Amino acid sequence: MSDNVHVIVSGLPASGKSTLSRTLGKHLGWPVIDKDEILEALFDSLGTGDHEHRHRLSRAGDEVLFKLAAHTEHAVLDNWWHHETAPQRLHRLDARLIEVFCDCDPALAAQRFQARTRHPGHLDPHLTQEQAAERVAAVRATFRGPLRLGGPLLTVDTARPVDTAALAEEISALLTI
């Protein structure tokens, strides 16, 4: 295995993954590869459309994330990871993987999800509150927690502010092992 290391930030949608990733990347001095940022750039370049168009661009965003990660020695990777496919794909990166799981009460994540404003390409404004609640409930019903990638797993409570400086120190200590 190479000396590459990737911090995989996982958790429910709206559990605080992106906020944590950006701050953690700054503390580590590492780039953050955020799938939503990739997807939103695709929306800006290729336009927004229906749910099928969004789904295609989302899969393309996954491909870009993995391609960028494969060519990066150290990075914080932020995505809503699919338990069925992500672990195998992440292991193909030939890197040490440290998972940071954003543990957040599902009801709080649902509240955050419904309150946030994202790029129009995500189609959130087209959802009624009932549809948004159904989407969150569906994710919650199938959510399996951390990816458990076989390496270190650090769980942080994102219901309250996270001491990302301390978390970065904990990750840095793991790099010396």
N, C-alpha and C. Protein backbone atom coordinates (compact mmCIF):
# COMPACT_ATOMS: atom_id res chain seq x y z
N MET A 1 0.85 -1.19 0.00
CA MET A 1 0.00 0.00 0.00
C MET A 1 0.89 1.24 0.00
N SER A 2 0.40 2.24 -0.65
CA SER A 2 1.15 3.50 -0.76
C SER A 2 1.07 4.28 0.55
N ASP A 3 1.72 5.44 0.55
CA ASP A 3 1.66 6.34 1.71
C ASP A 3 0.44 7.25 1.66
N ASN A 4 -0.43 7.05 0.69
CA ASN A 4 -1.62 7.88 0.56
C ASN A 4 -2.56 7.64 1.75
N VAL A 5 -3.20 8.71 2.19
CA VAL A 5 -4.17 8.63 3.28
C VAL A 5 -5.38 9.49 2.91
N HIS A 6 -6.55 8.90 3.08
CA HIS A 6 -7.78 9.65 2.85
C HIS A 6 -8.65 9.56 4.09
N VAL A 7 -9.18 10.69 4.49
CA VAL A 7 -10.16 10.74 5.57
C VAL A 7 -11.52 10.70 4.90
N ILE A 8 -12.30 9.70 5.23
CA ILE A 8 -13.62 9.50 4.65
C ILE A 8 -14.64 10.02 5.65
N VAL A 9 -15.36 11.07 5.30
CA VAL A 9 -16.37 11.63 6.20
C VAL A 9 -17.72 11.05 5.79
N SER A 10 -18.36 10.38 6.74
CA SER A 10 -19.62 9.69 6.46
C SER A 10 -20.69 10.13 7.45
N GLY A 11 -21.93 9.82 7.13
CA GLY A 11 -23.06 10.14 7.99
C GLY A 11 -24.30 10.40 7.18
N LEU A 12 -25.40 10.59 7.88
CA LEU A 12 -26.67 10.90 7.24
C LEU A 12 -26.58 12.20 6.44
N PRO A 13 -27.42 12.36 5.41
CA PRO A 13 -27.52 13.68 4.79
C PRO A 13 -27.90 14.71 5.84
N ALA A 14 -27.25 15.86 5.79
CA ALA A 14 -27.48 16.98 6.72
C ALA A 14 -27.00 16.68 8.14
N SER A 15 -26.10 15.72 8.27
CA SER A 15 -25.54 15.42 9.60
C SER A 15 -24.34 16.30 9.92
N GLY A 16 -23.90 17.13 8.97
CA GLY A 16 -22.78 18.02 9.21
C GLY A 16 -21.50 17.60 8.51
N LYS A 17 -21.59 16.68 7.56
CA LYS A 17 -20.40 16.16 6.87
C LYS A 17 -19.60 17.27 6.17
N SER A 18 -20.29 18.09 5.39
CA SER A 18 -19.58 19.11 4.61
C SER A 18 -18.96 20.17 5.51
N THR A 19 -19.67 20.60 6.51
CA THR A 19 -19.13 21.58 7.46
C THR A 19 -17.90 21.02 8.14
N LEU A 20 -18.00 19.79 8.62
CA LEU A 20 -16.86 19.15 9.29
C LEU A 20 -15.70 18.97 8.31
N SER A 21 -15.99 18.51 7.10
CA SER A 21 -14.94 18.25 6.11
C SER A 21 -14.12 19.50 5.80
N ARG A 22 -14.82 20.61 5.57
CA ARG A 22 -14.11 21.86 5.23
C ARG A 22 -13.18 22.30 6.36
N THR A 23 -13.69 22.27 7.58
CA THR A 23 -12.89 22.71 8.72
C THR A 23 -11.75 21.73 8.98
N LEU A 24 -12.04 20.45 8.88
CA LEU A 24 -11.01 19.43 9.10
C LEU A 24 -9.91 19.54 8.05
N GLY A 25 -10.30 19.76 6.80
CA GLY A 25 -9.31 19.94 5.74
C GLY A 25 -8.37 21.10 6.03
N LYS A 26 -8.91 22.20 6.54
CA LYS A 26 -8.08 23.36 6.89
C LYS A 26 -7.10 23.00 8.00
N HIS A 27 -7.57 22.30 9.02
CA HIS A 27 -6.70 21.94 10.14
C HIS A 27 -5.60 20.96 9.71
N LEU A 28 -5.93 20.05 8.82
CA LEU A 28 -4.93 19.08 8.35
C LEU A 28 -4.05 19.66 7.25
N GLY A 29 -4.50 20.74 6.61
CA GLY A 29 -3.78 21.28 5.47
C GLY A 29 -3.94 20.40 4.24
N TRP A 30 -5.07 19.71 4.15
CA TRP A 30 -5.36 18.79 3.05
C TRP A 30 -6.50 19.33 2.20
N PRO A 31 -6.52 18.96 0.92
CA PRO A 31 -7.67 19.34 0.10
C PRO A 31 -8.91 18.55 0.53
N VAL A 32 -10.06 19.15 0.27
CA VAL A 32 -11.33 18.48 0.50
C VAL A 32 -11.94 18.21 -0.86
N ILE A 33 -12.30 16.97 -1.09
CA ILE A 33 -12.99 16.61 -2.32
C ILE A 33 -14.44 16.32 -1.92
N ASP A 34 -15.30 17.27 -2.25
CA ASP A 34 -16.69 17.25 -1.82
C ASP A 34 -17.57 16.94 -3.03
N LYS A 35 -18.25 15.81 -2.96
CA LYS A 35 -19.08 15.37 -4.09
C LYS A 35 -20.15 16.40 -4.43
N ASP A 36 -20.76 17.06 -3.44
CA ASP A 36 -21.78 18.07 -3.75
C ASP A 36 -21.20 19.24 -4.53
N GLU A 37 -19.96 19.64 -4.23
CA GLU A 37 -19.34 20.72 -4.99
C GLU A 37 -19.11 20.29 -6.44
N ILE A 38 -18.71 19.04 -6.63
CA ILE A 38 -18.52 18.51 -7.99
C ILE A 38 -19.86 18.51 -8.71
N LEU A 39 -20.88 17.98 -8.04
CA LEU A 39 -22.20 17.89 -8.64
C LEU A 39 -22.75 19.27 -9.01
N GLU A 40 -22.55 20.24 -8.14
CA GLU A 40 -23.04 21.58 -8.42
C GLU A 40 -22.29 22.23 -9.58
N ALA A 41 -21.01 21.91 -9.74
CA ALA A 41 -20.28 22.39 -10.92
C ALA A 41 -20.84 21.75 -12.19
N LEU A 42 -21.23 20.48 -12.09
CA LEU A 42 -21.86 19.82 -13.24
C LEU A 42 -23.20 20.46 -13.57
N PHE A 43 -23.98 20.80 -12.54
CA PHE A 43 -25.24 21.51 -12.79
C PHE A 43 -24.98 22.82 -13.51
N ASP A 44 -23.97 23.56 -13.04
CA ASP A 44 -23.66 24.86 -13.64
C ASP A 44 -23.20 24.70 -15.09
N SER A 45 -22.47 23.63 -15.38
CA SER A 45 -21.95 23.42 -16.73
C SER A 45 -22.97 22.79 -17.67
N LEU A 46 -23.74 21.84 -17.16
CA LEU A 46 -24.61 21.04 -18.02
C LEU A 46 -26.10 21.32 -17.82
N GLY A 47 -26.39 22.17 -16.84
CA GLY A 47 -27.78 22.54 -16.61
C GLY A 47 -28.48 21.63 -15.61
N THR A 48 -29.58 22.13 -15.14
CA THR A 48 -30.42 21.34 -14.24
C THR A 48 -31.54 20.73 -15.06
N GLY A 49 -32.13 19.71 -14.53
CA GLY A 49 -33.20 19.04 -15.26
C GLY A 49 -34.10 18.29 -14.31
N ASP A 50 -34.59 17.16 -14.78
CA ASP A 50 -35.49 16.35 -13.98
C ASP A 50 -34.69 15.42 -13.06
N HIS A 51 -35.40 14.56 -12.36
CA HIS A 51 -34.74 13.66 -11.41
C HIS A 51 -33.77 12.70 -12.10
N GLU A 52 -34.12 12.25 -13.29
CA GLU A 52 -33.23 11.35 -14.03
C GLU A 52 -31.93 12.07 -14.41
N HIS A 53 -32.03 13.32 -14.86
CA HIS A 53 -30.85 14.13 -15.20
C HIS A 53 -29.99 14.31 -13.95
N ARG A 54 -30.62 14.64 -12.82
CA ARG A 54 -29.90 14.82 -11.57
C ARG A 54 -29.20 13.53 -11.17
N HIS A 55 -29.87 12.40 -11.31
CA HIS A 55 -29.28 11.11 -10.95
C HIS A 55 -28.05 10.82 -11.82
N ARG A 56 -28.15 11.07 -13.13
CA ARG A 56 -27.00 10.84 -14.02
C ARG A 56 -25.82 11.72 -13.63
N LEU A 57 -26.10 13.00 -13.35
CA LEU A 57 -25.02 13.90 -12.95
C LEU A 57 -24.44 13.50 -11.60
N SER A 58 -25.28 13.00 -10.71
CA SER A 58 -24.80 12.55 -9.41
C SER A 58 -23.84 11.37 -9.57
N ARG A 59 -24.17 10.43 -10.43
CA ARG A 59 -23.27 9.29 -10.67
C ARG A 59 -21.97 9.79 -11.32
N ALA A 60 -22.07 10.76 -12.22
CA ALA A 60 -20.86 11.34 -12.82
C ALA A 60 -20.03 12.02 -11.74
N GLY A 61 -20.69 12.70 -10.81
CA GLY A 61 -19.98 13.33 -9.69
C GLY A 61 -19.22 12.31 -8.86
N ASP A 62 -19.82 11.14 -8.64
CA ASP A 62 -19.12 10.07 -7.92
C ASP A 62 -17.85 9.67 -8.66
N GLU A 63 -17.96 9.53 -9.98
CA GLU A 63 -16.80 9.13 -10.78
C GLU A 63 -15.69 10.17 -10.68
N VAL A 64 -16.06 11.45 -10.74
CA VAL A 64 -15.06 12.52 -10.64
C VAL A 64 -14.41 12.47 -9.26
N LEU A 65 -15.20 12.31 -8.20
CA LEU A 65 -14.64 12.24 -6.85
C LEU A 65 -13.60 11.13 -6.75
N PHE A 66 -13.94 9.94 -7.22
CA PHE A 66 -13.00 8.82 -7.12
C PHE A 66 -11.77 9.03 -7.99
N LYS A 67 -11.93 9.64 -9.15
CA LYS A 67 -10.78 9.91 -10.03
C LYS A 67 -9.84 10.92 -9.36
N LEU A 68 -10.40 11.99 -8.80
CA LEU A 68 -9.57 12.98 -8.11
C LEU A 68 -8.87 12.36 -6.91
N ALA A 69 -9.60 11.57 -6.13
CA ALA A 69 -9.01 10.94 -4.94
C ALA A 69 -7.87 10.00 -5.32
N ALA A 70 -8.01 9.31 -6.44
CA ALA A 70 -6.97 8.37 -6.88
C ALA A 70 -5.66 9.08 -7.20
N HIS A 71 -5.74 10.38 -7.50
CA HIS A 71 -4.54 11.14 -7.86
C HIS A 71 -4.13 12.13 -6.77
N THR A 72 -4.60 11.90 -5.56
CA THR A 72 -4.31 12.79 -4.44
C THR A 72 -3.70 11.97 -3.31
N GLU A 73 -2.55 12.41 -2.79
CA GLU A 73 -1.90 11.66 -1.71
C GLU A 73 -2.67 11.72 -0.41
N HIS A 74 -3.17 12.89 -0.07
CA HIS A 74 -3.92 13.09 1.16
C HIS A 74 -5.14 13.95 0.84
N ALA A 75 -6.31 13.53 1.29
CA ALA A 75 -7.50 14.33 1.06
C ALA A 75 -8.58 13.93 2.06
N VAL A 76 -9.48 14.87 2.27
CA VAL A 76 -10.70 14.61 3.02
C VAL A 76 -11.78 14.41 1.97
N LEU A 77 -12.44 13.25 2.00
CA LEU A 77 -13.46 12.92 1.01
C LEU A 77 -14.84 13.01 1.65
N ASP A 78 -15.69 13.83 1.06
CA ASP A 78 -17.02 14.11 1.60
C ASP A 78 -18.07 13.68 0.59
N ASN A 79 -18.95 12.77 1.02
CA ASN A 79 -19.98 12.26 0.12
C ASN A 79 -21.07 11.61 0.96
N TRP A 80 -22.23 11.43 0.38
CA TRP A 80 -23.24 10.54 0.95
C TRP A 80 -22.91 9.19 0.33
N TRP A 81 -22.20 8.37 1.11
CA TRP A 81 -21.63 7.12 0.62
C TRP A 81 -22.68 6.02 0.56
N HIS A 82 -22.68 5.28 -0.52
CA HIS A 82 -23.57 4.13 -0.68
C HIS A 82 -22.88 2.90 -0.09
N HIS A 83 -23.48 2.33 0.94
CA HIS A 83 -22.87 1.19 1.62
C HIS A 83 -22.63 0.00 0.69
N GLU A 84 -23.42 -0.12 -0.35
CA GLU A 84 -23.29 -1.26 -1.26
C GLU A 84 -22.04 -1.18 -2.13
N THR A 85 -21.64 0.03 -2.50
CA THR A 85 -20.55 0.18 -3.47
C THR A 85 -19.33 0.93 -2.94
N ALA A 86 -19.53 1.86 -2.03
CA ALA A 86 -18.43 2.74 -1.61
C ALA A 86 -17.26 2.00 -0.97
N PRO A 87 -17.49 1.06 -0.03
CA PRO A 87 -16.32 0.43 0.60
C PRO A 87 -15.37 -0.20 -0.41
N GLN A 88 -15.90 -0.94 -1.36
CA GLN A 88 -15.04 -1.59 -2.35
C GLN A 88 -14.30 -0.55 -3.19
N ARG A 89 -15.00 0.48 -3.60
CA ARG A 89 -14.37 1.52 -4.43
C ARG A 89 -13.32 2.29 -3.64
N LEU A 90 -13.60 2.58 -2.37
CA LEU A 90 -12.63 3.29 -1.54
C LEU A 90 -11.38 2.46 -1.33
N HIS A 91 -11.52 1.16 -1.15
CA HIS A 91 -10.35 0.30 -0.96
C HIS A 91 -9.49 0.23 -2.23
N ARG A 92 -10.08 0.44 -3.39
CA ARG A 92 -9.31 0.44 -4.64
C ARG A 92 -8.43 1.67 -4.78
N LEU A 93 -8.58 2.65 -3.89
CA LEU A 93 -7.76 3.87 -3.97
C LEU A 93 -6.32 3.63 -3.55
N ASP A 94 -6.01 2.46 -3.02
CA ASP A 94 -4.65 2.15 -2.57
C ASP A 94 -4.17 3.21 -1.59
N ALA A 95 -4.97 3.42 -0.54
CA ALA A 95 -4.66 4.42 0.47
C ALA A 95 -5.10 3.92 1.83
N ARG A 96 -4.45 4.44 2.87
CA ARG A 96 -4.96 4.20 4.21
C ARG A 96 -6.25 5.01 4.34
N LEU A 97 -7.27 4.40 4.89
CA LEU A 97 -8.56 5.05 5.04
C LEU A 97 -8.87 5.24 6.50
N ILE A 98 -9.17 6.48 6.86
CA ILE A 98 -9.60 6.80 8.21
C ILE A 98 -11.02 7.35 8.08
N GLU A 99 -11.97 6.68 8.70
CA GLU A 99 -13.36 7.13 8.59
C GLU A 99 -13.72 8.01 9.78
N VAL A 100 -14.33 9.14 9.48
CA VAL A 100 -14.90 10.01 10.50
C VAL A 100 -16.41 9.98 10.28
N PHE A 101 -17.11 9.40 11.25
CA PHE A 101 -18.55 9.25 11.16
C PHE A 101 -19.24 10.38 11.90
N CYS A 102 -20.06 11.13 11.18
CA CYS A 102 -20.84 12.23 11.78
C CYS A 102 -22.10 11.63 12.39
N ASP A 103 -22.07 11.44 13.68
CA ASP A 103 -23.19 10.86 14.40
C ASP A 103 -24.14 11.97 14.78
N CYS A 104 -25.35 11.87 14.31
CA CYS A 104 -26.33 12.93 14.51
C CYS A 104 -27.70 12.26 14.64
N ASP A 105 -28.47 12.71 15.59
CA ASP A 105 -29.82 12.18 15.74
C ASP A 105 -30.55 12.32 14.41
N PRO A 106 -31.16 11.24 13.92
CA PRO A 106 -31.85 11.33 12.63
C PRO A 106 -32.92 12.42 12.56
N ALA A 107 -33.58 12.70 13.66
CA ALA A 107 -34.60 13.76 13.65
C ALA A 107 -33.95 15.12 13.44
N LEU A 108 -32.78 15.34 14.04
CA LEU A 108 -32.06 16.60 13.83
C LEU A 108 -31.57 16.70 12.39
N ALA A 109 -31.04 15.60 11.85
CA ALA A 109 -30.60 15.60 10.45
C ALA A 109 -31.78 15.91 9.52
N ALA A 110 -32.94 15.34 9.81
CA ALA A 110 -34.13 15.60 9.00
C ALA A 110 -34.51 17.07 9.07
N GLN A 111 -34.45 17.63 10.27
CA GLN A 111 -34.77 19.05 10.46
C GLN A 111 -33.79 19.92 9.67
N ARG A 112 -32.51 19.61 9.75
CA ARG A 112 -31.49 20.36 9.01
C ARG A 112 -31.70 20.22 7.50
N PHE A 113 -32.02 18.99 7.07
CA PHE A 113 -32.22 18.74 5.64
C PHE A 113 -33.34 19.61 5.10
N GLN A 114 -34.42 19.70 5.83
CA GLN A 114 -35.56 20.47 5.36
C GLN A 114 -35.33 21.97 5.46
N ALA A 115 -34.42 22.40 6.31
CA ALA A 115 -34.17 23.83 6.51
C ALA A 115 -33.08 24.37 5.59
N ARG A 116 -32.23 23.51 5.03
CA ARG A 116 -31.10 24.00 4.26
C ARG A 116 -31.50 24.43 2.85
N THR A 117 -30.67 25.30 2.30
CA THR A 117 -30.85 25.75 0.93
C THR A 117 -29.65 25.28 0.13
N ARG A 118 -29.91 24.52 -0.91
CA ARG A 118 -28.83 24.02 -1.75
C ARG A 118 -29.02 24.52 -3.18
N HIS A 119 -28.07 24.19 -4.01
CA HIS A 119 -28.12 24.53 -5.43
C HIS A 119 -29.45 24.03 -6.01
N PRO A 120 -30.08 24.81 -6.89
CA PRO A 120 -31.36 24.39 -7.46
C PRO A 120 -31.31 23.06 -8.21
N GLY A 121 -30.12 22.68 -8.67
CA GLY A 121 -29.99 21.41 -9.38
C GLY A 121 -30.32 20.19 -8.53
N HIS A 122 -30.23 20.35 -7.21
CA HIS A 122 -30.60 19.24 -6.32
C HIS A 122 -32.10 18.99 -6.32
N LEU A 123 -32.85 19.94 -6.85
CA LEU A 123 -34.31 19.86 -6.97
C LEU A 123 -35.04 19.93 -5.64
N ASP A 124 -34.35 20.34 -4.59
CA ASP A 124 -35.02 20.48 -3.28
C ASP A 124 -36.21 21.43 -3.33
N PRO A 125 -36.09 22.59 -4.03
CA PRO A 125 -37.24 23.52 -4.03
C PRO A 125 -38.49 22.93 -4.67
N HIS A 126 -38.32 21.88 -5.48
CA HIS A 126 -39.46 21.25 -6.14
C HIS A 126 -40.17 20.24 -5.25
N LEU A 127 -39.58 19.95 -4.10
CA LEU A 127 -40.19 18.99 -3.19
C LEU A 127 -41.15 19.71 -2.25
N THR A 128 -42.30 19.11 -2.05
CA THR A 128 -43.18 19.62 -1.00
C THR A 128 -42.58 19.21 0.33
N GLN A 129 -43.05 19.80 1.40
CA GLN A 129 -42.54 19.40 2.72
C GLN A 129 -42.80 17.92 2.97
N GLU A 130 -43.93 17.43 2.51
CA GLU A 130 -44.25 16.01 2.67
C GLU A 130 -43.27 15.13 1.89
N GLN A 131 -42.95 15.53 0.66
CA GLN A 131 -42.00 14.76 -0.15
C GLN A 131 -40.61 14.79 0.48
N ALA A 132 -40.20 15.94 0.98
CA ALA A 132 -38.90 16.04 1.65
C ALA A 132 -38.89 15.14 2.88
N ALA A 133 -39.96 15.16 3.65
CA ALA A 133 -40.05 14.31 4.84
C ALA A 133 -40.02 12.84 4.46
N GLU A 134 -40.69 12.48 3.36
CA GLU A 134 -40.67 11.09 2.88
C GLU A 134 -39.25 10.67 2.46
N ARG A 135 -38.56 11.58 1.78
CA ARG A 135 -37.19 11.28 1.33
C ARG A 135 -36.27 11.05 2.54
N VAL A 136 -36.39 11.94 3.53
CA VAL A 136 -35.58 11.80 4.74
C VAL A 136 -35.93 10.50 5.47
N ALA A 137 -37.22 10.19 5.57
CA ALA A 137 -37.65 8.96 6.25
C ALA A 137 -37.12 7.73 5.53
N ALA A 138 -37.10 7.75 4.21
CA ALA A 138 -36.58 6.62 3.44
C ALA A 138 -35.09 6.42 3.69
N VAL A 139 -34.35 7.52 3.72
CA VAL A 139 -32.91 7.43 4.00
C VAL A 139 -32.69 6.90 5.41
N ARG A 140 -33.42 7.45 6.36
CA ARG A 140 -33.29 7.02 7.76
C ARG A 140 -33.60 5.53 7.91
N ALA A 141 -34.61 5.05 7.18
CA ALA A 141 -35.04 3.65 7.32
C ALA A 141 -33.99 2.67 6.81
N THR A 142 -33.20 3.11 5.83
CA THR A 142 -32.20 2.20 5.25
C THR A 142 -30.78 2.50 5.71
N PHE A 143 -30.60 3.53 6.52
CA PHE A 143 -29.25 3.95 6.93
C PHE A 143 -28.61 2.90 7.83
N ARG A 144 -27.37 2.56 7.51
CA ARG A 144 -26.67 1.51 8.25
C ARG A 144 -25.50 2.02 9.09
N GLY A 145 -25.40 3.32 9.29
CA GLY A 145 -24.33 3.85 10.13
C GLY A 145 -23.02 3.96 9.40
N PRO A 146 -21.91 3.86 10.14
CA PRO A 146 -20.59 4.01 9.53
C PRO A 146 -20.35 2.95 8.45
N LEU A 147 -19.44 3.28 7.54
CA LEU A 147 -19.06 2.32 6.49
C LEU A 147 -18.25 1.16 7.05
N ARG A 148 -17.50 1.41 8.13
CA ARG A 148 -16.65 0.39 8.76
C ARG A 148 -15.69 -0.20 7.71
N LEU A 149 -14.74 0.60 7.34
CA LEU A 149 -13.82 0.28 6.24
C LEU A 149 -12.64 -0.60 6.65
N GLY A 150 -12.56 -0.96 7.92
CA GLY A 150 -11.48 -1.82 8.37
C GLY A 150 -10.31 -1.06 8.98
N GLY A 151 -10.30 0.24 8.84
CA GLY A 151 -9.26 1.06 9.44
C GLY A 151 -9.84 1.81 10.63
N PRO A 152 -9.15 2.83 11.08
CA PRO A 152 -9.66 3.60 12.21
C PRO A 152 -11.03 4.21 11.90
N LEU A 153 -11.89 4.19 12.90
CA LEU A 153 -13.22 4.80 12.82
C LEU A 153 -13.35 5.77 13.98
N LEU A 154 -13.48 7.04 13.65
CA LEU A 154 -13.66 8.08 14.66
C LEU A 154 -15.09 8.59 14.55
N THR A 155 -15.82 8.52 15.64
CA THR A 155 -17.21 8.96 15.65
C THR A 155 -17.28 10.29 16.38
N VAL A 156 -17.92 11.27 15.72
CA VAL A 156 -18.07 12.59 16.34
C VAL A 156 -19.56 12.93 16.40
N ASP A 157 -19.94 13.57 17.48
CA ASP A 157 -21.32 14.00 17.68
C ASP A 157 -21.49 15.35 17.01
N THR A 158 -22.18 15.36 15.87
CA THR A 158 -22.34 16.60 15.12
C THR A 158 -23.65 17.32 15.47
N ALA A 159 -24.27 16.91 16.57
CA ALA A 159 -25.43 17.65 17.06
C ALA A 159 -24.98 18.94 17.73
N ARG A 160 -23.72 18.98 18.08
CA ARG A 160 -23.13 20.18 18.71
C ARG A 160 -21.82 20.48 18.00
N PRO A 161 -21.25 21.66 18.22
CA PRO A 161 -19.99 21.99 17.54
C PRO A 161 -18.90 20.96 17.85
N VAL A 162 -18.14 20.64 16.82
CA VAL A 162 -17.06 19.66 16.94
C VAL A 162 -15.73 20.40 17.07
N ASP A 163 -14.89 19.93 17.97
CA ASP A 163 -13.54 20.48 18.11
C ASP A 163 -12.68 19.87 17.00
N THR A 164 -12.71 20.51 15.83
CA THR A 164 -12.01 19.94 14.69
C THR A 164 -10.49 20.01 14.84
N ALA A 165 -10.00 20.94 15.62
CA ALA A 165 -8.55 20.99 15.87
C ALA A 165 -8.13 19.73 16.62
N ALA A 166 -8.90 19.35 17.64
CA ALA A 166 -8.59 18.12 18.39
C ALA A 166 -8.76 16.89 17.50
N LEU A 167 -9.79 16.89 16.65
CA LEU A 167 -10.01 15.77 15.74
C LEU A 167 -8.84 15.66 14.75
N ALA A 168 -8.36 16.79 14.24
CA ALA A 168 -7.21 16.77 13.33
C ALA A 168 -5.98 16.23 14.04
N GLU A 169 -5.79 16.58 15.30
CA GLU A 169 -4.66 16.05 16.07
C GLU A 169 -4.79 14.54 16.23
N GLU A 170 -6.00 14.07 16.48
CA GLU A 170 -6.23 12.63 16.63
C GLU A 170 -5.92 11.90 15.31
N ILE A 171 -6.32 12.49 14.20
CA ILE A 171 -6.02 11.90 12.90
C ILE A 171 -4.51 11.93 12.64
N SER A 172 -3.87 13.04 12.94
CA SER A 172 -2.42 13.15 12.76
C SER A 172 -1.68 12.10 13.58
N ALA A 173 -2.16 11.84 14.79
CA ALA A 173 -1.54 10.80 15.63
C ALA A 173 -1.70 9.43 14.98
N LEU A 174 -2.82 9.19 14.33
CA LEU A 174 -3.02 7.90 13.65
C LEU A 174 -2.07 7.72 12.48
N LEU A 175 -1.62 8.81 11.90
CA LEU A 175 -0.72 8.74 10.74
C LEU A 175 0.67 8.28 11.13
N THR A 176 1.01 8.40 12.39
CA THR A 176 2.35 7.99 12.84
C THR A 176 2.40 6.52 13.23
N ILE A 177 1.24 5.88 13.26
CA ILE A 177 1.18 4.46 13.66
C ILE A 177 1.56 3.59 12.48
